[in-house]
Amino acid sequence: MFNVKGSIVALITPFHEDGSVNFEKLGEILEWHVANHTDAILVLGTTGESSTMTHEEDDAVVEYTLKTINGRIPVIAGSGSNSTQTAIDKSVKYDKMGADALLVISPYYNKTNAQGMIAHFTAVADAVNKPIIMYNVPGRTGCSISEDAIKVLSKHPNICGIKEASGSISYAAGIARYLSDDFVMYSGNDDMIVPLLSLGASGVISVWANIMPQESHDLVMNYLNGDTKKSLDLQLRYLDLIHALFYEVNPIPVKEAMNLMGMNVGGFRLPLYPMSEANKARLANAMKEAGLL
């Protein structure tokens, strides 16, 4: 089963000026993450703008990432959809490509009931051999994976965990009862890493790690190695910066931050749009206070 401990970066997708995927830049970023102790790579998540990319582009990003990383650290591919059949098709494809695990979001827009949620994840998990991490982010999908559904799904041999991004400590505590060696939890909120680690999480799937991979890794590993104070100090020290990465909808601020750092990752695809000048100035100030500029 998949039980990576530490910081998993929810990787951005770099674009050229014409909007096409910048694979050369993607390679540079991947090497930077390996060098800075990122513990695993997630491509095609929300931060990767996969919702604006074609299936062919998705496939190319997964293929390129797997080839570049070449087994040095695990690679997770986002393969979810609001269509169960599409999620199955993408999951089977990335399983065969060699992804170490798959991130599957709860069905959005359709907003199924609890039994439909169980049936959706079960159908995808039954179709693949690689472990699946469920993704609970009701702020984007309009629905949550219920605690009762988690209780059932956590027992599936191909479902290894959950990225929990509801922002609710109460919900996280409720599903923490089902954690085991075979079912783990990752914080999906960078401002709640320590609280979720205290509930038994194994790490974070992080937006913040796109700009501070070493610090994100250190925060988690300090906690897991018993130095909870050092971990908490890092969480609180960078809290203003973490909040700045969400002044506008992700991944707009984190891409702006990377460009301010000289990483030249390009712009966005509509409907995403550059930050307002006021928010960009606030972001730059938070980055200066964190020592990034």
C-alpha atoms as a PDB file:
ATOM      1  CA  MET A   1       0.000   0.000   0.000  1.00  0.00           C
ATOM      2  CA  PHE A   2       0.936   3.654  -0.401  1.00  0.00           C
ATOM      3  CA  ASN A   3       1.931   5.326   2.858  1.00  0.00           C
ATOM      4  CA  VAL A   4       4.299   8.163   2.033  1.00  0.00           C
ATOM      5  CA  LYS A   5       5.070  10.293   5.054  1.00  0.00           C
ATOM      6  CA  GLY A   6       5.971  13.935   4.648  1.00  0.00           C
ATOM      7  CA  SER A   7       5.257  16.654   2.099  1.00  0.00           C
ATOM      8  CA  ILE A   8       3.614  15.822  -1.223  1.00  0.00           C
ATOM      9  CA  VAL A   9       3.635  18.827  -3.528  1.00  0.00           C
ATOM     10  CA  ALA A  10       0.424  19.571  -5.411  1.00  0.00           C
ATOM     11  CA  LEU A  11       2.449  20.633  -8.423  1.00  0.00           C
ATOM     12  CA  ILE A  12       1.593  23.554 -10.688  1.00  0.00           C
ATOM     13  CA  THR A  13       1.662  23.040 -14.443  1.00  0.00           C
ATOM     14  CA  PRO A  14       3.993  25.561 -16.127  1.00  0.00           C
ATOM     15  CA  PHE A  15       2.825  27.123 -19.388  1.00  0.00           C
ATOM     16  CA  HIS A  16       4.488  28.921 -22.280  1.00  0.00           C
ATOM     17  CA  GLU A  17       3.226  32.372 -23.280  1.00  0.00           C
ATOM     18  CA  ASP A  18       0.935  30.751 -25.856  1.00  0.00           C
ATOM     19  CA  GLY A  19      -0.655  28.630 -23.122  1.00  0.00           C
ATOM     20  CA  SER A  20       0.936  25.315 -24.086  1.00  0.00           C
ATOM     21  CA  VAL A  21       2.560  23.131 -21.434  1.00  0.00           C
ATOM     22  CA  ASN A  22       6.208  24.072 -20.809  1.00  0.00           C
ATOM     23  CA  PHE A  23       7.806  20.658 -20.387  1.00  0.00           C
ATOM     24  CA  GLU A  24      11.342  22.005 -20.087  1.00  0.00           C
ATOM     25  CA  LYS A  25      10.255  24.135 -17.125  1.00  0.00           C
ATOM     26  CA  LEU A  26       8.323  21.204 -15.670  1.00  0.00           C
ATOM     27  CA  GLY A  27      11.533  19.185 -15.714  1.00  0.00           C
ATOM     28  CA  GLU A  28      13.420  21.961 -13.897  1.00  0.00           C
ATOM     29  CA  ILE A  29      10.740  22.162 -11.215  1.00  0.00           C
ATOM     30  CA  LEU A  30      10.688  18.403 -10.719  1.00  0.00           C
ATOM     31  CA  GLU A  31      14.461  18.311 -10.223  1.00  0.00           C
ATOM     32  CA  TRP A  32      14.208  21.217  -7.763  1.00  0.00           C
ATOM     33  CA  HIS A  33      11.673  19.292  -5.686  1.00  0.00           C
ATOM     34  CA  VAL A  34      13.830  16.181  -5.571  1.00  0.00           C
ATOM     35  CA  ALA A  35      16.799  18.292  -4.461  1.00  0.00           C
ATOM     36  CA  ASN A  36      14.707  19.998  -1.760  1.00  0.00           C
ATOM     37  CA  HIS A  37      13.401  16.775  -0.188  1.00  0.00           C
ATOM     38  CA  THR A  38       9.817  16.826  -1.406  1.00  0.00           C
ATOM     39  CA  ASP A  39       8.579  13.354  -0.484  1.00  0.00           C
ATOM     40  CA  ALA A  40       6.253  12.750  -3.454  1.00  0.00           C
ATOM     41  CA  ILE A  41       4.896  14.560  -6.511  1.00  0.00           C
ATOM     42  CA  LEU A  42       1.217  15.026  -7.319  1.00  0.00           C
ATOM     43  CA  VAL A  43       0.445  16.070 -10.882  1.00  0.00           C
ATOM     44  CA  LEU A  44      -2.959  16.978 -12.343  1.00  0.00           C
ATOM     45  CA  GLY A  45      -4.441  18.117  -9.064  1.00  0.00           C
ATOM     46  CA  THR A  46      -6.425  21.320  -8.627  1.00  0.00           C
ATOM     47  CA  THR A  47      -3.153  23.272  -8.447  1.00  0.00           C
ATOM     48  CA  GLY A  48      -2.070  21.728 -11.741  1.00  0.00           C
ATOM     49  CA  GLU A  49      -5.012  23.287 -13.626  1.00  0.00           C
ATOM     50  CA  SER A  50      -5.994  19.896 -15.029  1.00  0.00           C
ATOM     51  CA  SER A  51      -9.605  21.051 -15.280  1.00  0.00           C
ATOM     52  CA  THR A  52      -8.531  23.355 -18.145  1.00  0.00           C
ATOM     53  CA  MET A  53      -6.290  20.829 -19.900  1.00  0.00           C
ATOM     54  CA  THR A  54      -7.122  18.257 -22.556  1.00  0.00           C
ATOM     55  CA  HIS A  55      -6.901  14.538 -21.830  1.00  0.00           C
ATOM     56  CA  GLU A  56      -3.946  14.378 -24.209  1.00  0.00           C
ATOM     57  CA  GLU A  57      -2.136  17.084 -22.246  1.00  0.00           C
ATOM     58  CA  ASP A  58      -2.924  15.299 -18.988  1.00  0.00           C
ATOM     59  CA  ASP A  59      -1.440  12.086 -20.354  1.00  0.00           C
ATOM     60  CA  ALA A  60       1.678  13.890 -21.573  1.00  0.00           C
ATOM     61  CA  VAL A  61       2.275  15.533 -18.175  1.00  0.00           C
ATOM     62  CA  VAL A  62       1.980  12.202 -16.364  1.00  0.00           C
ATOM     63  CA  GLU A  63       4.253  10.462 -18.866  1.00  0.00           C
ATOM     64  CA  TYR A  64       6.888  13.221 -18.721  1.00  0.00           C
ATOM     65  CA  THR A  65       6.811  13.367 -14.915  1.00  0.00           C
ATOM     66  CA  LEU A  66       7.232   9.619 -14.534  1.00  0.00           C
ATOM     67  CA  LYS A  67      10.114   9.601 -17.008  1.00  0.00           C
ATOM     68  CA  THR A  68      11.860  12.533 -15.320  1.00  0.00           C
ATOM     69  CA  ILE A  69      11.430  11.323 -11.748  1.00  0.00           C
ATOM     70  CA  ASN A  70      12.385   7.783 -12.783  1.00  0.00           C
ATOM     71  CA  GLY A  71      11.452   6.171  -9.475  1.00  0.00           C
ATOM     72  CA  ARG A  72      13.417   8.519  -7.233  1.00  0.00           C
ATOM     73  CA  ILE A  73      10.301   9.564  -5.307  1.00  0.00           C
ATOM     74  CA  PRO A  74       6.677   8.469  -5.712  1.00  0.00           C
ATOM     75  CA  VAL A  75       4.452  10.094  -8.326  1.00  0.00           C
ATOM     76  CA  ILE A  76       0.715  10.448  -7.813  1.00  0.00           C
ATOM     77  CA  ALA A  77      -1.540  11.234 -10.785  1.00  0.00           C
ATOM     78  CA  GLY A  78      -4.843  13.016 -10.448  1.00  0.00           C
ATOM     79  CA  SER A  79      -7.348  10.874 -12.316  1.00  0.00           C
ATOM     80  CA  GLY A  80     -10.713  11.902 -10.899  1.00  0.00           C
ATOM     81  CA  SER A  81     -13.806  13.153 -12.686  1.00  0.00           C
ATOM     82  CA  ASN A  82     -17.477  13.820 -12.023  1.00  0.00           C
ATOM     83  CA  SER A  83     -18.072  10.985 -14.487  1.00  0.00           C
ATOM     84  CA  THR A  84     -17.288   7.616 -12.948  1.00  0.00           C
ATOM     85  CA  GLN A  85     -16.445   6.088 -16.323  1.00  0.00           C
ATOM     86  CA  THR A  86     -14.025   8.901 -17.149  1.00  0.00           C
ATOM     87  CA  ALA A  87     -12.368   8.475 -13.755  1.00  0.00           C
ATOM     88  CA  ILE A  88     -12.026   4.743 -14.437  1.00  0.00           C
ATOM     89  CA  ASP A  89     -10.559   5.322 -17.890  1.00  0.00           C
ATOM     90  CA  LYS A  90      -7.985   7.843 -16.652  1.00  0.00           C
ATOM     91  CA  SER A  91      -7.121   5.779 -13.581  1.00  0.00           C
ATOM     92  CA  VAL A  92      -6.530   2.622 -15.631  1.00  0.00           C
ATOM     93  CA  LYS A  93      -4.366   4.588 -18.075  1.00  0.00           C
ATOM     94  CA  TYR A  94      -2.171   6.141 -15.343  1.00  0.00           C
ATOM     95  CA  ASP A  95      -1.973   2.819 -13.518  1.00  0.00           C
ATOM     96  CA  LYS A  96      -0.547   1.247 -16.687  1.00  0.00           C
ATOM     97  CA  MET A  97       1.819   4.201 -17.204  1.00  0.00           C
ATOM     98  CA  GLY A  98       3.382   3.444 -13.841  1.00  0.00           C
ATOM     99  CA  ALA A  99       1.987   6.045 -11.446  1.00  0.00           C
ATOM    100  CA  ASP A 100       2.602   5.007  -7.841  1.00  0.00           C
ATOM    101  CA  ALA A 101      -0.840   6.110  -6.704  1.00  0.00           C
ATOM    102  CA  LEU A 102      -3.934   7.932  -7.979  1.00  0.00           C
ATOM    103  CA  LEU A 103      -5.768  10.921  -6.525  1.00  0.00           C
ATOM    104  CA  VAL A 104      -9.500  10.659  -7.163  1.00  0.00           C
ATOM    105  CA  ILE A 105     -11.745  13.587  -6.298  1.00  0.00           C
ATOM    106  CA  SER A 106     -15.325  13.135  -5.140  1.00  0.00           C
ATOM    107  CA  PRO A 107     -17.839  13.561  -7.992  1.00  0.00           C
ATOM    108  CA  TYR A 108     -18.441  17.304  -8.375  1.00  0.00           C
ATOM    109  CA  TYR A 109     -21.441  19.072  -9.908  1.00  0.00           C
ATOM    110  CA  ASN A 110     -23.477  15.836  -9.987  1.00  0.00           C
ATOM    111  CA  LYS A 111     -23.437  15.785  -6.152  1.00  0.00           C
ATOM    112  CA  THR A 112     -24.423  12.176  -5.620  1.00  0.00           C
ATOM    113  CA  ASN A 113     -25.831  10.709  -2.402  1.00  0.00           C
ATOM    114  CA  ALA A 114     -23.847   8.601   0.085  1.00  0.00           C
ATOM    115  CA  GLN A 115     -24.471   5.308  -1.684  1.00  0.00           C
ATOM    116  CA  GLY A 116     -23.542   6.843  -5.025  1.00  0.00           C
ATOM    117  CA  MET A 117     -20.322   8.147  -3.495  1.00  0.00           C
ATOM    118  CA  ILE A 118     -19.438   4.665  -2.246  1.00  0.00           C
ATOM    119  CA  ALA A 119     -20.320   3.130  -5.614  1.00  0.00           C
ATOM    120  CA  HIS A 120     -18.220   5.723  -7.481  1.00  0.00           C
ATOM    121  CA  PHE A 121     -15.014   5.177  -5.514  1.00  0.00           C
ATOM    122  CA  THR A 122     -15.544   1.413  -5.396  1.00  0.00           C
ATOM    123  CA  ALA A 123     -15.922   1.219  -9.173  1.00  0.00           C
ATOM    124  CA  VAL A 124     -12.679   3.137  -9.727  1.00  0.00           C
ATOM    125  CA  ALA A 125     -10.779   1.184  -7.076  1.00  0.00           C
ATOM    126  CA  ASP A 126     -11.992  -2.146  -8.494  1.00  0.00           C
ATOM    127  CA  ALA A 127     -10.673  -1.219 -11.939  1.00  0.00           C
ATOM    128  CA  VAL A 128      -7.034  -0.555 -10.989  1.00  0.00           C
ATOM    129  CA  ASN A 129      -4.114  -2.174  -9.244  1.00  0.00           C
ATOM    130  CA  LYS A 130      -2.562   1.014  -7.857  1.00  0.00           C
ATOM    131  CA  PRO A 131      -3.679   2.551  -4.559  1.00  0.00           C
ATOM    132  CA  ILE A 132      -6.201   5.373  -4.590  1.00  0.00           C
ATOM    133  CA  ILE A 133      -6.207   8.467  -2.402  1.00  0.00           C
ATOM    134  CA  MET A 134      -9.684   9.966  -2.177  1.00  0.00           C
ATOM    135  CA  TYR A 135      -9.924  13.753  -2.312  1.00  0.00           C
ATOM    136  CA  ASN A 136     -12.463  15.510  -0.112  1.00  0.00           C
ATOM    137  CA  VAL A 137     -12.740  19.221  -0.939  1.00  0.00           C
ATOM    138  CA  PRO A 138     -16.384  20.283  -0.553  1.00  0.00           C
ATOM    139  CA  GLY A 139     -15.551  23.947  -1.079  1.00  0.00           C
ATOM    140  CA  ARG A 140     -14.846  23.110  -4.729  1.00  0.00           C
ATOM    141  CA  THR A 141     -17.069  20.101  -5.387  1.00  0.00           C
ATOM    142  CA  GLY A 142     -20.210  21.187  -3.562  1.00  0.00           C
ATOM    143  CA  CYS A 143     -20.406  17.901  -1.679  1.00  0.00           C
ATOM    144  CA  SER A 144     -18.485  16.021   0.993  1.00  0.00           C
ATOM    145  CA  ILE A 145     -17.598  12.367   1.366  1.00  0.00           C
ATOM    146  CA  SER A 146     -19.621  11.460   4.446  1.00  0.00           C
ATOM    147  CA  GLU A 147     -18.001   9.897   7.493  1.00  0.00           C
ATOM    148  CA  ASP A 148     -20.193   6.834   6.964  1.00  0.00           C
ATOM    149  CA  ALA A 149     -18.905   6.524   3.396  1.00  0.00           C
ATOM    150  CA  ILE A 150     -15.315   6.822   4.645  1.00  0.00           C
ATOM    151  CA  LYS A 151     -15.972   4.036   7.143  1.00  0.00           C
ATOM    152  CA  VAL A 152     -16.957   1.729   4.260  1.00  0.00           C
ATOM    153  CA  LEU A 153     -14.408   2.887   1.677  1.00  0.00           C
ATOM    154  CA  SER A 154     -11.464   2.774   4.089  1.00  0.00           C
ATOM    155  CA  LYS A 155     -11.794  -1.008   4.074  1.00  0.00           C
ATOM    156  CA  HIS A 156     -11.355  -1.359   0.299  1.00  0.00           C
ATOM    157  CA  PRO A 157      -7.966  -2.977  -0.408  1.00  0.00           C
ATOM    158  CA  ASN A 158      -7.154  -0.486  -3.209  1.00  0.00           C
ATOM    159  CA  ILE A 159      -8.176   2.669  -1.317  1.00  0.00           C
ATOM    160  CA  CYS A 160      -5.184   3.737   0.742  1.00  0.00           C
ATOM    161  CA  GLY A 161      -6.134   7.145   2.088  1.00  0.00           C
ATOM    162  CA  ILE A 162      -7.757  10.530   1.848  1.00  0.00           C
ATOM    163  CA  LYS A 163      -6.653  14.069   1.107  1.00  0.00           C
ATOM    164  CA  GLU A 164      -8.776  15.970   3.599  1.00  0.00           C
ATOM    165  CA  ALA A 165      -9.402  19.574   2.537  1.00  0.00           C
ATOM    166  CA  SER A 166     -12.734  20.427   4.107  1.00  0.00           C
ATOM    167  CA  GLY A 167     -11.151  22.779   6.639  1.00  0.00           C
ATOM    168  CA  SER A 168     -13.195  21.146   9.389  1.00  0.00           C
ATOM    169  CA  ILE A 169     -11.334  19.753  12.392  1.00  0.00           C
ATOM    170  CA  SER A 170     -14.546  18.056  13.493  1.00  0.00           C
ATOM    171  CA  TYR A 171     -14.786  16.155  10.204  1.00  0.00           C
ATOM    172  CA  ALA A 172     -11.088  15.286  10.258  1.00  0.00           C
ATOM    173  CA  ALA A 173     -11.441  13.910  13.769  1.00  0.00           C
ATOM    174  CA  GLY A 174     -14.450  11.886  12.702  1.00  0.00           C
ATOM    175  CA  ILE A 175     -12.631  10.143   9.865  1.00  0.00           C
ATOM    176  CA  ALA A 176      -9.411   9.784  11.889  1.00  0.00           C
ATOM    177  CA  ARG A 177     -11.153   6.894  13.639  1.00  0.00           C
ATOM    178  CA  TYR A 178     -10.707   4.857  10.458  1.00  0.00           C
ATOM    179  CA  LEU A 179      -6.983   5.449   9.974  1.00  0.00           C
ATOM    180  CA  SER A 180      -4.719   2.413   9.955  1.00  0.00           C
ATOM    181  CA  ASP A 181      -1.551   1.121   8.323  1.00  0.00           C
ATOM    182  CA  ASP A 182      -3.669   0.593   5.203  1.00  0.00           C
ATOM    183  CA  PHE A 183      -5.652   3.855   5.245  1.00  0.00           C
ATOM    184  CA  VAL A 184      -3.922   7.185   5.842  1.00  0.00           C
ATOM    185  CA  MET A 185      -4.838  10.853   5.842  1.00  0.00           C
ATOM    186  CA  TYR A 186      -3.088  13.854   4.313  1.00  0.00           C
ATOM    187  CA  SER A 187      -3.903  17.431   5.154  1.00  0.00           C
ATOM    188  CA  GLY A 188      -5.213  19.258   2.123  1.00  0.00           C
ATOM    189  CA  ASN A 189      -4.919  22.621   3.872  1.00  0.00           C
ATOM    190  CA  ASP A 190      -1.490  24.124   4.464  1.00  0.00           C
ATOM    191  CA  ASP A 191      -2.720  26.163   7.432  1.00  0.00           C
ATOM    192  CA  MET A 192      -3.892  23.000   9.223  1.00  0.00           C
ATOM    193  CA  ILE A 193      -0.937  20.637   8.836  1.00  0.00           C
ATOM    194  CA  VAL A 194      -0.074  20.387  12.532  1.00  0.00           C
ATOM    195  CA  PRO A 195      -3.705  19.970  13.674  1.00  0.00           C
ATOM    196  CA  LEU A 196      -4.213  17.086  11.243  1.00  0.00           C
ATOM    197  CA  LEU A 197      -0.879  15.513  12.165  1.00  0.00           C
ATOM    198  CA  SER A 198      -2.113  15.548  15.765  1.00  0.00           C
ATOM    199  CA  LEU A 199      -5.089  13.468  14.588  1.00  0.00           C
ATOM    200  CA  GLY A 200      -2.828  10.900  12.961  1.00  0.00           C
ATOM    201  CA  ALA A 201      -2.244  12.297   9.463  1.00  0.00           C
ATOM    202  CA  SER A 202       0.852  11.125   7.608  1.00  0.00           C
ATOM    203  CA  GLY A 203       1.634  14.472   6.009  1.00  0.00           C
ATOM    204  CA  VAL A 204       0.317  17.110   3.640  1.00  0.00           C
ATOM    205  CA  ILE A 205      -0.547  17.449  -0.029  1.00  0.00           C
ATOM    206  CA  SER A 206       0.655  20.999  -0.292  1.00  0.00           C
ATOM    207  CA  VAL A 207       0.263  24.134  -2.375  1.00  0.00           C
ATOM    208  CA  TRP A 208       2.815  25.953  -0.173  1.00  0.00           C
ATOM    209  CA  ALA A 209       5.441  23.313  -1.059  1.00  0.00           C
ATOM    210  CA  ASN A 210       5.569  24.758  -4.586  1.00  0.00           C
ATOM    211  CA  ILE A 211       7.569  27.681  -3.168  1.00  0.00           C
ATOM    212  CA  MET A 212       9.007  26.275   0.093  1.00  0.00           C
ATOM    213  CA  PRO A 213       9.462  22.515  -0.398  1.00  0.00           C
ATOM    214  CA  GLN A 214      12.174  22.042   2.216  1.00  0.00           C
ATOM    215  CA  GLU A 215      10.199  23.862   4.905  1.00  0.00           C
ATOM    216  CA  SER A 216       7.034  21.908   4.133  1.00  0.00           C
ATOM    217  CA  HIS A 217       9.004  18.650   4.396  1.00  0.00           C
ATOM    218  CA  ASP A 218      10.672  19.770   7.631  1.00  0.00           C
ATOM    219  CA  LEU A 219       7.378  20.800   9.236  1.00  0.00           C
ATOM    220  CA  VAL A 220       5.924  17.320   8.765  1.00  0.00           C
ATOM    221  CA  MET A 221       9.032  15.329   9.579  1.00  0.00           C
ATOM    222  CA  ASN A 222       9.783  17.326  12.739  1.00  0.00           C
ATOM    223  CA  TYR A 223       6.315  16.437  13.994  1.00  0.00           C
ATOM    224  CA  LEU A 224       6.538  12.775  13.040  1.00  0.00           C
ATOM    225  CA  ASN A 225       9.993  12.533  14.624  1.00  0.00           C
ATOM    226  CA  GLY A 226       8.688  13.880  17.918  1.00  0.00           C
ATOM    227  CA  ASP A 227       9.746  17.541  17.777  1.00  0.00           C
ATOM    228  CA  THR A 228       6.229  18.946  17.837  1.00  0.00           C
ATOM    229  CA  LYS A 229       7.369  22.372  19.034  1.00  0.00           C
ATOM    230  CA  LYS A 230       9.701  22.861  16.072  1.00  0.00           C
ATOM    231  CA  SER A 231       6.922  21.731  13.751  1.00  0.00           C
ATOM    232  CA  LEU A 232       4.434  24.151  15.302  1.00  0.00           C
ATOM    233  CA  ASP A 233       6.969  26.968  15.106  1.00  0.00           C
ATOM    234  CA  LEU A 234       7.250  26.423  11.337  1.00  0.00           C
ATOM    235  CA  GLN A 235       3.474  26.250  10.939  1.00  0.00           C
ATOM    236  CA  LEU A 236       2.989  29.560  12.717  1.00  0.00           C
ATOM    237  CA  ARG A 237       6.045  31.297  11.235  1.00  0.00           C
ATOM    238  CA  TYR A 238       4.763  30.840   7.688  1.00  0.00           C
ATOM    239  CA  LEU A 239       1.047  31.157   8.388  1.00  0.00           C
ATOM    240  CA  ASP A 240       0.748  34.634   6.853  1.00  0.00           C
ATOM    241  CA  LEU A 241       2.469  33.445   3.686  1.00  0.00           C
ATOM    242  CA  ILE A 242       0.256  30.362   3.513  1.00  0.00           C
ATOM    243  CA  HIS A 243      -2.828  32.561   3.816  1.00  0.00           C
ATOM    244  CA  ALA A 244      -1.421  34.853   1.106  1.00  0.00           C
ATOM    245  CA  LEU A 245      -1.365  31.893  -1.288  1.00  0.00           C
ATOM    246  CA  PHE A 246      -5.146  31.903  -1.077  1.00  0.00           C
ATOM    247  CA  TYR A 247      -5.882  35.629  -1.428  1.00  0.00           C
ATOM    248  CA  GLU A 248      -7.419  34.576  -4.714  1.00  0.00           C
ATOM    249  CA  VAL A 249      -8.410  31.143  -5.956  1.00  0.00           C
ATOM    250  CA  ASN A 250      -5.601  28.569  -6.135  1.00  0.00           C
ATOM    251  CA  PRO A 251      -3.379  28.250  -8.168  1.00  0.00           C
ATOM    252  CA  ILE A 252      -3.371  31.935  -9.155  1.00  0.00           C
ATOM    253  CA  PRO A 253      -1.370  33.234  -6.146  1.00  0.00           C
ATOM    254  CA  VAL A 254       1.155  30.383  -6.014  1.00  0.00           C
ATOM    255  CA  LYS A 255       1.962  30.776  -9.704  1.00  0.00           C
ATOM    256  CA  GLU A 256       2.315  34.529  -9.205  1.00  0.00           C
ATOM    257  CA  ALA A 257       4.625  33.793  -6.250  1.00  0.00           C
ATOM    258  CA  MET A 258       6.797  31.463  -8.324  1.00  0.00           C
ATOM    259  CA  ASN A 259       7.077  34.077 -11.039  1.00  0.00           C
ATOM    260  CA  LEU A 260       8.039  36.718  -8.460  1.00  0.00           C
ATOM    261  CA  MET A 261      10.790  34.301  -7.368  1.00  0.00           C
ATOM    262  CA  GLY A 262      12.089  34.218 -10.930  1.00  0.00           C
ATOM    263  CA  MET A 263      10.913  30.686 -11.669  1.00  0.00           C
ATOM    264  CA  ASN A 264       9.082  31.787 -14.842  1.00  0.00           C
ATOM    265  CA  VAL A 265       6.273  29.235 -14.735  1.00  0.00           C
ATOM    266  CA  GLY A 266       3.982  31.246 -16.994  1.00  0.00           C
ATOM    267  CA  GLY A 267       0.400  32.319 -16.627  1.00  0.00           C
ATOM    268  CA  PHE A 268      -2.980  30.655 -16.391  1.00  0.00           C
ATOM    269  CA  ARG A 269      -5.744  29.308 -18.559  1.00  0.00           C
ATOM    270  CA  LEU A 270      -9.109  31.006 -18.532  1.00  0.00           C
ATOM    271  CA  PRO A 271     -11.238  31.304 -16.542  1.00  0.00           C
ATOM    272  CA  LEU A 272      -8.261  31.752 -14.202  1.00  0.00           C
ATOM    273  CA  TYR A 273      -6.878  35.260 -14.486  1.00  0.00           C
ATOM    274  CA  PRO A 274      -3.912  37.213 -13.105  1.00  0.00           C
ATOM    275  CA  MET A 275      -4.210  38.566  -9.566  1.00  0.00           C
ATOM    276  CA  SER A 276      -5.353  42.102  -8.931  1.00  0.00           C
ATOM    277  CA  GLU A 277      -2.436  44.483  -8.392  1.00  0.00           C
ATOM    278  CA  ALA A 278      -3.528  45.076  -4.795  1.00  0.00           C
ATOM    279  CA  ASN A 279      -3.495  41.370  -3.940  1.00  0.00           C
ATOM    280  CA  LYS A 280      -0.250  40.844  -5.819  1.00  0.00           C
ATOM    281  CA  ALA A 281       1.359  43.583  -3.696  1.00  0.00           C
ATOM    282  CA  ARG A 282       0.039  41.931  -0.526  1.00  0.00           C
ATOM    283  CA  LEU A 283       1.413  38.582  -1.687  1.00  0.00           C
ATOM    284  CA  ALA A 284       4.817  40.098  -2.413  1.00  0.00           C
ATOM    285  CA  ASN A 285       4.892  41.662   1.043  1.00  0.00           C
ATOM    286  CA  ALA A 286       4.115  38.299   2.691  1.00  0.00           C
ATOM    287  CA  MET A 287       6.879  36.696   0.625  1.00  0.00           C
ATOM    288  CA  LYS A 288       9.355  39.383   1.734  1.00  0.00           C
ATOM    289  CA  GLU A 289       8.454  38.790   5.374  1.00  0.00           C
ATOM    290  CA  ALA A 290       9.054  35.069   4.826  1.00  0.00           C
ATOM    291  CA  GLY A 291      12.464  35.761   3.286  1.00  0.00           C
ATOM    292  CA  LEU A 292      11.568  34.667  -0.243  1.00  0.00           C
ATOM    293  CA  LEU A 293      12.087  38.081  -1.883  1.00  0.00           C
END
